[in-house]
Structures are given as structure tokens and as C-alpha cells.
Amino acid sequence: MKDKFPYLGKDVLITQDMCDLNEHMNVIYYAKIFEDEFPFYDSLGFTSDYFKQGYSFFTLEMNIRYLKEMRKGEKASPCFRYFSVKPKLIHYGGVLLNEVGDVCSITENVLIHVDMNTRRSCEMNSSTIAHLNEMVANHSATGEVDFDLRLKI
């Protein structure tokens, strides 16, 4: 599965503080691991300079599926890919793998591009859309994912 998700995030060691009463990682930490991958967003071209220009992204929808427990002492490896782009929207997803490569969790997200001066959605510029479409094509070239996508744009 890792080969179908070209962006590899930082590995995270599951600690006791991340575990709940069921002795597995609490759901909030799955979301945190997926959301803490800011270099992933940089790969889109959305660096701090981009945000200083008055644009940002808001999450419209996030879906997380929990497939296998992650427990204290295990290493979680987040991997991501882009699924589709429209002038105002980005659909991307990720998987959380354990050390043997099992998919423990799947996330899908839809982001909307926002003009921070008006706090309303707006289209990305044509060069940004072209860059994102190229990334979608490169990621799609790795093959179909082994699960159904639940979100669409």
C-alpha cells in the first residue's frame, strides 16, 4: 500500500499518553498524526509565503476509518496522496501504516481555498491548479488505492 501513497510523513512512536482506557491509541491521535504533516501541505505550494499573500485552506470534510488497533510502542507511518483538484477544492487522503505495513487507518479530506480578507472561498490561480493537477497525475500513476473513496469533489 505504501507505494500507492507517494508522500511519506514522519514516523510516530505510540506512547502511553496517546492511549486510552482500551489500551490502544485514542482516536484524537489518529487525526493529530494525519494533520501534523505540514510538509505535505508545503508540497502543494502552500508555504508560509502563500498564506502571507492572504490565502489559506479550510477543511470542509474529514473522514477517518479505523481498521486495526495501534498500541503503545508501535510505530505509526503516515503516507499521503492527492486524489483530485477543482479550482476551489482539493481531495486528498492518507493511510497510517504499522511497522509491518498493515493499513491501520485511512483518512480522506476535502479542503476549500479561502481568501482570508473576505473569509470566503475563491479559486486558486491557474499556475497553482496546474501544479496540483500534475501532482494528482503523478500520484494516480502509482495505481488505484485498495479501498473505496467515500468523499468526492
N, C-alpha and C. Protein backbone atom coordinates (compact mmCIF):
# COMPACT_ATOMS: atom_id res chain seq x y z
N MET A 1 0.83 -1.21 0.00
CA MET A 1 0.00 0.00 0.00
C MET A 1 0.86 1.26 0.00
N LYS A 2 2.01 1.19 0.67
CA LYS A 2 2.87 2.37 0.80
C LYS A 2 3.26 2.94 -0.56
N ASP A 3 3.43 2.08 -1.57
CA ASP A 3 3.85 2.52 -2.90
C ASP A 3 2.77 3.32 -3.62
N LYS A 4 1.53 3.25 -3.15
CA LYS A 4 0.44 4.00 -3.78
C LYS A 4 0.21 5.36 -3.12
N PHE A 5 1.00 5.66 -2.10
CA PHE A 5 0.90 6.93 -1.38
C PHE A 5 2.29 7.58 -1.39
N PRO A 6 2.58 8.38 -2.44
CA PRO A 6 3.94 8.87 -2.69
C PRO A 6 4.52 9.80 -1.63
N TYR A 7 3.70 10.49 -0.86
CA TYR A 7 4.26 11.38 0.15
C TYR A 7 4.35 10.62 1.47
N LEU A 8 5.57 10.43 1.97
CA LEU A 8 5.78 9.71 3.22
C LEU A 8 6.01 10.71 4.34
N GLY A 9 5.19 10.62 5.37
CA GLY A 9 5.32 11.51 6.51
C GLY A 9 6.32 10.98 7.53
N LYS A 10 6.41 11.70 8.65
CA LYS A 10 7.32 11.30 9.72
C LYS A 10 6.69 10.19 10.55
N ASP A 11 7.50 9.19 10.88
CA ASP A 11 7.04 8.11 11.75
C ASP A 11 6.78 8.66 13.15
N VAL A 12 5.78 8.08 13.81
CA VAL A 12 5.42 8.49 15.16
C VAL A 12 5.41 7.25 16.05
N LEU A 13 6.10 7.32 17.17
CA LEU A 13 6.09 6.22 18.14
C LEU A 13 4.88 6.42 19.06
N ILE A 14 4.04 5.41 19.17
CA ILE A 14 2.84 5.50 20.02
C ILE A 14 3.28 5.39 21.49
N THR A 15 2.94 6.41 22.27
CA THR A 15 3.31 6.45 23.69
C THR A 15 2.09 6.15 24.56
N GLN A 16 2.34 5.92 25.83
CA GLN A 16 1.26 5.66 26.78
C GLN A 16 0.28 6.83 26.83
N ASP A 17 0.79 8.05 26.74
CA ASP A 17 -0.07 9.23 26.78
C ASP A 17 -1.06 9.28 25.62
N MET A 18 -0.74 8.59 24.55
CA MET A 18 -1.61 8.59 23.37
C MET A 18 -2.69 7.50 23.45
N CYS A 19 -2.60 6.66 24.45
CA CYS A 19 -3.51 5.51 24.56
C CYS A 19 -4.68 5.82 25.50
N ASP A 20 -5.80 5.16 25.24
CA ASP A 20 -6.99 5.36 26.07
C ASP A 20 -7.21 4.17 27.00
N LEU A 21 -8.38 4.10 27.61
CA LEU A 21 -8.68 3.03 28.56
C LEU A 21 -8.72 1.64 27.91
N ASN A 22 -8.87 1.60 26.62
CA ASN A 22 -8.87 0.31 25.90
C ASN A 22 -7.45 -0.14 25.54
N GLU A 23 -6.47 0.64 25.99
CA GLU A 23 -5.06 0.34 25.79
C GLU A 23 -4.65 0.34 24.31
N HIS A 24 -5.33 1.17 23.52
CA HIS A 24 -4.89 1.41 22.15
C HIS A 24 -4.94 2.91 21.89
N MET A 25 -4.37 3.33 20.77
CA MET A 25 -4.28 4.76 20.50
C MET A 25 -5.68 5.37 20.41
N ASN A 26 -5.86 6.47 21.11
CA ASN A 26 -7.12 7.21 21.11
C ASN A 26 -7.35 7.85 19.75
N VAL A 27 -8.61 7.95 19.35
CA VAL A 27 -8.97 8.46 18.03
C VAL A 27 -8.40 9.86 17.77
N ILE A 28 -8.29 10.68 18.78
CA ILE A 28 -7.79 12.04 18.58
C ILE A 28 -6.35 12.03 18.04
N TYR A 29 -5.57 11.01 18.37
CA TYR A 29 -4.18 10.97 17.92
C TYR A 29 -4.06 10.51 16.46
N TYR A 30 -5.03 9.73 15.99
CA TYR A 30 -5.03 9.41 14.56
C TYR A 30 -5.18 10.71 13.77
N ALA A 31 -6.16 11.51 14.16
CA ALA A 31 -6.37 12.80 13.48
C ALA A 31 -5.14 13.68 13.61
N LYS A 32 -4.54 13.72 14.78
CA LYS A 32 -3.36 14.56 15.00
C LYS A 32 -2.20 14.13 14.11
N ILE A 33 -1.95 12.83 14.02
CA ILE A 33 -0.85 12.35 13.18
C ILE A 33 -1.10 12.74 11.72
N PHE A 34 -2.34 12.55 11.25
CA PHE A 34 -2.65 12.93 9.88
C PHE A 34 -2.53 14.43 9.66
N GLU A 35 -2.94 15.23 10.62
CA GLU A 35 -2.95 16.68 10.46
C GLU A 35 -1.60 17.35 10.72
N ASP A 36 -0.69 16.69 11.39
CA ASP A 36 0.60 17.29 11.72
C ASP A 36 1.59 17.27 10.57
N GLU A 37 1.18 16.82 9.42
CA GLU A 37 2.09 16.71 8.28
C GLU A 37 2.13 17.99 7.47
N PHE A 38 2.59 19.08 8.05
CA PHE A 38 2.66 20.35 7.35
C PHE A 38 3.58 20.32 6.13
N PRO A 39 4.70 19.55 6.13
CA PRO A 39 5.49 19.47 4.90
C PRO A 39 4.68 18.93 3.72
N PHE A 40 3.67 18.10 4.01
CA PHE A 40 2.77 17.62 2.96
C PHE A 40 2.07 18.80 2.30
N TYR A 41 1.59 19.73 3.10
CA TYR A 41 0.93 20.91 2.55
C TYR A 41 1.92 21.79 1.79
N ASP A 42 3.16 21.85 2.27
CA ASP A 42 4.19 22.60 1.55
C ASP A 42 4.39 22.06 0.14
N SER A 43 4.23 20.73 -0.02
CA SER A 43 4.41 20.13 -1.34
C SER A 43 3.36 20.63 -2.33
N LEU A 44 2.26 21.13 -1.81
CA LEU A 44 1.23 21.72 -2.66
C LEU A 44 1.63 23.12 -3.13
N GLY A 45 2.59 23.70 -2.45
CA GLY A 45 2.98 25.08 -2.74
C GLY A 45 2.39 26.04 -1.73
N PHE A 46 1.77 25.51 -0.69
CA PHE A 46 1.12 26.35 0.32
C PHE A 46 2.05 26.55 1.51
N THR A 47 3.05 27.35 1.27
CA THR A 47 4.05 27.66 2.29
C THR A 47 3.58 28.88 3.08
N SER A 48 4.36 29.28 4.06
CA SER A 48 4.01 30.47 4.85
C SER A 48 3.94 31.71 3.95
N ASP A 49 4.75 31.77 2.90
CA ASP A 49 4.68 32.90 1.96
C ASP A 49 3.32 32.95 1.26
N TYR A 50 2.80 31.79 0.92
CA TYR A 50 1.49 31.73 0.27
C TYR A 50 0.42 32.30 1.21
N PHE A 51 0.49 31.91 2.47
CA PHE A 51 -0.50 32.37 3.44
C PHE A 51 -0.36 33.87 3.72
N LYS A 52 0.86 34.38 3.63
CA LYS A 52 1.07 35.82 3.82
C LYS A 52 0.43 36.63 2.71
N GLN A 53 0.18 36.00 1.57
CA GLN A 53 -0.50 36.66 0.45
C GLN A 53 -2.01 36.79 0.70
N GLY A 54 -2.49 36.21 1.80
CA GLY A 54 -3.90 36.35 2.16
C GLY A 54 -4.78 35.19 1.79
N TYR A 55 -4.18 34.03 1.53
CA TYR A 55 -4.96 32.84 1.16
C TYR A 55 -4.68 31.71 2.14
N SER A 56 -5.66 30.83 2.25
CA SER A 56 -5.50 29.67 3.10
C SER A 56 -6.46 28.58 2.63
N PHE A 57 -6.51 27.52 3.40
CA PHE A 57 -7.45 26.42 3.15
C PHE A 57 -8.18 26.10 4.43
N PHE A 58 -9.44 25.78 4.29
CA PHE A 58 -10.23 25.29 5.41
C PHE A 58 -10.63 23.85 5.08
N THR A 59 -10.72 23.03 6.09
CA THR A 59 -11.20 21.67 5.90
C THR A 59 -12.72 21.69 5.86
N LEU A 60 -13.28 21.16 4.76
CA LEU A 60 -14.73 21.05 4.65
C LEU A 60 -15.24 19.73 5.21
N GLU A 61 -14.45 18.69 5.00
CA GLU A 61 -14.87 17.38 5.45
C GLU A 61 -13.65 16.51 5.69
N MET A 62 -13.75 15.69 6.73
CA MET A 62 -12.68 14.75 7.06
C MET A 62 -13.34 13.44 7.45
N ASN A 63 -12.85 12.35 6.89
CA ASN A 63 -13.36 11.03 7.20
C ASN A 63 -12.18 10.17 7.62
N ILE A 64 -12.28 9.56 8.78
CA ILE A 64 -11.23 8.66 9.25
C ILE A 64 -11.85 7.29 9.50
N ARG A 65 -11.21 6.28 8.96
CA ARG A 65 -11.61 4.89 9.20
C ARG A 65 -10.54 4.23 10.05
N TYR A 66 -10.97 3.48 11.03
CA TYR A 66 -10.07 2.79 11.94
C TYR A 66 -10.17 1.30 11.63
N LEU A 67 -9.09 0.72 11.12
CA LEU A 67 -9.12 -0.65 10.64
C LEU A 67 -8.42 -1.63 11.57
N LYS A 68 -7.40 -1.17 12.26
CA LYS A 68 -6.61 -2.05 13.11
C LYS A 68 -6.06 -1.23 14.27
N GLU A 69 -6.06 -1.83 15.45
CA GLU A 69 -5.54 -1.13 16.62
C GLU A 69 -4.07 -0.76 16.45
N MET A 70 -3.75 0.39 17.03
CA MET A 70 -2.35 0.77 17.19
C MET A 70 -2.13 0.90 18.70
N ARG A 71 -1.07 0.28 19.17
CA ARG A 71 -0.85 0.21 20.61
C ARG A 71 0.51 0.80 20.99
N LYS A 72 0.65 1.08 22.28
CA LYS A 72 1.88 1.64 22.83
C LYS A 72 3.09 0.85 22.33
N GLY A 73 4.12 1.61 21.92
CA GLY A 73 5.36 1.00 21.45
C GLY A 73 5.40 0.75 19.96
N GLU A 74 4.24 0.80 19.29
CA GLU A 74 4.22 0.62 17.85
C GLU A 74 4.60 1.92 17.15
N LYS A 75 5.08 1.78 15.93
CA LYS A 75 5.42 2.94 15.11
C LYS A 75 4.32 3.13 14.08
N ALA A 76 3.81 4.36 13.99
CA ALA A 76 2.79 4.72 13.01
C ALA A 76 3.46 5.51 11.89
N SER A 77 3.25 5.09 10.65
CA SER A 77 3.84 5.75 9.50
C SER A 77 2.75 6.32 8.60
N PRO A 78 2.58 7.66 8.58
CA PRO A 78 1.57 8.27 7.71
C PRO A 78 2.09 8.44 6.29
N CYS A 79 1.24 8.14 5.32
CA CYS A 79 1.55 8.29 3.90
C CYS A 79 0.35 8.96 3.23
N PHE A 80 0.61 9.81 2.23
CA PHE A 80 -0.46 10.61 1.63
C PHE A 80 -0.41 10.59 0.12
N ARG A 81 -1.56 10.98 -0.48
CA ARG A 81 -1.63 11.22 -1.91
C ARG A 81 -2.81 12.13 -2.21
N TYR A 82 -2.74 12.76 -3.39
CA TYR A 82 -3.82 13.62 -3.86
C TYR A 82 -4.71 12.81 -4.77
N PHE A 83 -6.02 13.00 -4.63
CA PHE A 83 -6.97 12.28 -5.47
C PHE A 83 -7.53 13.14 -6.60
N SER A 84 -7.91 14.39 -6.28
CA SER A 84 -8.47 15.26 -7.32
C SER A 84 -8.40 16.72 -6.88
N VAL A 85 -8.51 17.57 -7.90
CA VAL A 85 -8.44 19.02 -7.69
C VAL A 85 -9.50 19.68 -8.55
N LYS A 86 -10.13 20.69 -8.00
CA LYS A 86 -11.01 21.59 -8.74
C LYS A 86 -10.54 23.00 -8.42
N PRO A 87 -11.00 24.02 -9.12
CA PRO A 87 -10.47 25.37 -8.90
C PRO A 87 -10.50 25.87 -7.45
N LYS A 88 -11.47 25.39 -6.64
CA LYS A 88 -11.55 25.81 -5.25
C LYS A 88 -11.30 24.67 -4.25
N LEU A 89 -11.20 23.44 -4.74
CA LEU A 89 -11.20 22.29 -3.85
C LEU A 89 -10.03 21.33 -4.09
N ILE A 90 -9.61 20.67 -3.02
CA ILE A 90 -8.61 19.61 -3.09
C ILE A 90 -9.14 18.41 -2.31
N HIS A 91 -9.06 17.23 -2.93
CA HIS A 91 -9.42 15.98 -2.27
C HIS A 91 -8.14 15.17 -2.14
N TYR A 92 -7.75 14.88 -0.91
CA TYR A 92 -6.55 14.09 -0.67
C TYR A 92 -6.83 13.08 0.41
N GLY A 93 -5.91 12.15 0.57
CA GLY A 93 -6.10 11.14 1.60
C GLY A 93 -4.77 10.59 2.06
N GLY A 94 -4.89 9.75 3.07
CA GLY A 94 -3.70 9.14 3.63
C GLY A 94 -4.01 7.84 4.32
N VAL A 95 -2.97 7.10 4.57
CA VAL A 95 -3.08 5.87 5.34
C VAL A 95 -2.07 5.94 6.48
N LEU A 96 -2.39 5.26 7.54
CA LEU A 96 -1.48 5.11 8.67
C LEU A 96 -1.09 3.64 8.70
N LEU A 97 0.21 3.38 8.52
CA LEU A 97 0.71 2.02 8.47
C LEU A 97 1.44 1.67 9.76
N ASN A 98 1.36 0.39 10.14
CA ASN A 98 2.18 -0.06 11.26
C ASN A 98 3.52 -0.53 10.71
N GLU A 99 4.38 -1.06 11.58
CA GLU A 99 5.74 -1.41 11.18
C GLU A 99 5.81 -2.52 10.15
N VAL A 100 4.81 -3.38 10.08
CA VAL A 100 4.83 -4.46 9.09
C VAL A 100 4.10 -4.07 7.81
N GLY A 101 3.60 -2.81 7.76
CA GLY A 101 2.95 -2.32 6.55
C GLY A 101 1.46 -2.51 6.49
N ASP A 102 0.84 -2.96 7.58
CA ASP A 102 -0.62 -3.08 7.61
C ASP A 102 -1.25 -1.70 7.65
N VAL A 103 -2.35 -1.53 6.93
CA VAL A 103 -3.10 -0.28 6.99
C VAL A 103 -3.95 -0.31 8.26
N CYS A 104 -3.65 0.60 9.17
CA CYS A 104 -4.37 0.67 10.44
C CYS A 104 -5.48 1.72 10.40
N SER A 105 -5.32 2.72 9.53
CA SER A 105 -6.31 3.78 9.44
C SER A 105 -6.22 4.44 8.07
N ILE A 106 -7.36 4.94 7.62
CA ILE A 106 -7.46 5.66 6.34
C ILE A 106 -8.11 7.00 6.62
N THR A 107 -7.60 8.06 6.01
CA THR A 107 -8.25 9.35 6.09
C THR A 107 -8.49 9.89 4.69
N GLU A 108 -9.58 10.61 4.55
CA GLU A 108 -9.86 11.38 3.34
C GLU A 108 -10.25 12.78 3.79
N ASN A 109 -9.84 13.78 3.01
CA ASN A 109 -10.10 15.16 3.36
C ASN A 109 -10.47 15.97 2.13
N VAL A 110 -11.37 16.92 2.32
CA VAL A 110 -11.69 17.89 1.28
C VAL A 110 -11.37 19.26 1.86
N LEU A 111 -10.49 19.99 1.13
CA LEU A 111 -10.10 21.34 1.53
C LEU A 111 -10.71 22.33 0.55
N ILE A 112 -11.04 23.52 1.07
CA ILE A 112 -11.52 24.60 0.22
C ILE A 112 -10.56 25.78 0.32
N HIS A 113 -10.27 26.38 -0.81
CA HIS A 113 -9.36 27.53 -0.89
C HIS A 113 -10.12 28.78 -0.45
N VAL A 114 -9.50 29.59 0.41
CA VAL A 114 -10.19 30.73 1.02
C VAL A 114 -9.36 32.00 0.90
N ASP A 115 -10.02 33.09 0.54
CA ASP A 115 -9.44 34.43 0.61
C ASP A 115 -9.63 34.89 2.05
N MET A 116 -8.54 35.04 2.78
CA MET A 116 -8.64 35.36 4.20
C MET A 116 -9.12 36.78 4.47
N ASN A 117 -9.07 37.66 3.47
CA ASN A 117 -9.58 39.02 3.65
C ASN A 117 -11.11 39.02 3.71
N THR A 118 -11.72 38.17 2.91
CA THR A 118 -13.19 38.10 2.89
C THR A 118 -13.70 36.88 3.65
N ARG A 119 -12.79 35.93 3.91
CA ARG A 119 -13.12 34.65 4.55
C ARG A 119 -14.19 33.90 3.75
N ARG A 120 -14.06 34.01 2.43
CA ARG A 120 -14.94 33.31 1.50
C ARG A 120 -14.08 32.46 0.57
N SER A 121 -14.70 31.44 0.03
CA SER A 121 -13.98 30.60 -0.91
C SER A 121 -13.64 31.38 -2.17
N CYS A 122 -12.54 31.00 -2.79
CA CYS A 122 -12.12 31.62 -4.04
C CYS A 122 -11.29 30.60 -4.81
N GLU A 123 -11.18 30.81 -6.09
CA GLU A 123 -10.40 29.90 -6.92
C GLU A 123 -8.91 30.13 -6.71
N MET A 124 -8.16 29.05 -6.83
CA MET A 124 -6.71 29.14 -6.82
C MET A 124 -6.27 29.71 -8.17
N ASN A 125 -5.08 30.26 -8.22
CA ASN A 125 -4.60 30.79 -9.51
C ASN A 125 -4.27 29.63 -10.45
N SER A 126 -4.17 29.92 -11.73
CA SER A 126 -4.02 28.87 -12.75
C SER A 126 -2.71 28.10 -12.60
N SER A 127 -1.63 28.76 -12.19
CA SER A 127 -0.37 28.03 -12.02
C SER A 127 -0.45 27.06 -10.84
N THR A 128 -1.14 27.43 -9.79
CA THR A 128 -1.32 26.53 -8.64
C THR A 128 -2.16 25.33 -9.05
N ILE A 129 -3.24 25.58 -9.78
CA ILE A 129 -4.09 24.47 -10.23
C ILE A 129 -3.31 23.54 -11.15
N ALA A 130 -2.51 24.09 -12.06
CA ALA A 130 -1.69 23.27 -12.95
C ALA A 130 -0.72 22.41 -12.15
N HIS A 131 -0.07 23.00 -11.14
CA HIS A 131 0.86 22.26 -10.27
C HIS A 131 0.14 21.12 -9.55
N LEU A 132 -1.03 21.41 -9.01
CA LEU A 132 -1.79 20.39 -8.29
C LEU A 132 -2.27 19.29 -9.22
N ASN A 133 -2.72 19.65 -10.41
CA ASN A 133 -3.15 18.62 -11.37
C ASN A 133 -1.99 17.72 -11.78
N GLU A 134 -0.80 18.28 -11.89
CA GLU A 134 0.38 17.46 -12.19
C GLU A 134 0.66 16.48 -11.05
N MET A 135 0.51 16.97 -9.80
CA MET A 135 0.72 16.09 -8.65
C MET A 135 -0.33 14.99 -8.61
N VAL A 136 -1.59 15.33 -8.90
CA VAL A 136 -2.65 14.32 -8.94
C VAL A 136 -2.32 13.27 -9.99
N ALA A 137 -1.86 13.69 -11.17
CA ALA A 137 -1.50 12.75 -12.23
C ALA A 137 -0.34 11.85 -11.79
N ASN A 138 0.67 12.43 -11.15
CA ASN A 138 1.81 11.64 -10.67
C ASN A 138 1.37 10.64 -9.60
N HIS A 139 0.52 11.06 -8.70
CA HIS A 139 0.06 10.16 -7.64
C HIS A 139 -0.85 9.08 -8.21
N SER A 140 -1.70 9.44 -9.16
CA SER A 140 -2.60 8.47 -9.78
C SER A 140 -1.81 7.40 -10.54
N ALA A 141 -0.65 7.77 -11.05
CA ALA A 141 0.19 6.84 -11.81
C ALA A 141 0.70 5.69 -10.93
N THR A 142 0.63 5.83 -9.62
CA THR A 142 1.06 4.75 -8.72
C THR A 142 0.03 3.63 -8.66
N GLY A 143 -1.16 3.85 -9.20
CA GLY A 143 -2.20 2.83 -9.22
C GLY A 143 -3.39 3.19 -8.36
N GLU A 144 -4.43 2.42 -8.54
CA GLU A 144 -5.65 2.61 -7.74
C GLU A 144 -5.40 2.22 -6.29
N VAL A 145 -6.05 2.93 -5.38
CA VAL A 145 -5.96 2.54 -3.97
C VAL A 145 -6.84 1.31 -3.75
N ASP A 146 -6.55 0.57 -2.71
CA ASP A 146 -7.23 -0.70 -2.44
C ASP A 146 -8.46 -0.54 -1.55
N PHE A 147 -9.11 0.60 -1.64
CA PHE A 147 -10.33 0.85 -0.87
C PHE A 147 -11.18 1.86 -1.63
N ASP A 148 -12.47 1.89 -1.30
CA ASP A 148 -13.37 2.84 -1.93
C ASP A 148 -13.20 4.21 -1.31
N LEU A 149 -13.17 5.24 -2.16
CA LEU A 149 -13.15 6.61 -1.67
C LEU A 149 -14.57 6.98 -1.26
N ARG A 150 -14.70 7.60 -0.12
CA ARG A 150 -16.02 7.98 0.39
C ARG A 150 -16.35 9.43 0.09
N LEU A 151 -15.33 10.26 -0.10
CA LEU A 151 -15.56 11.67 -0.36
C LEU A 151 -15.32 11.96 -1.84
N LYS A 152 -16.01 12.94 -2.35
CA LYS A 152 -15.87 13.37 -3.75
C LYS A 152 -15.89 14.88 -3.81
N ILE A 153 -15.29 15.42 -4.90
CA ILE A 153 -15.42 16.85 -5.14
C ILE A 153 -15.89 17.05 -6.57
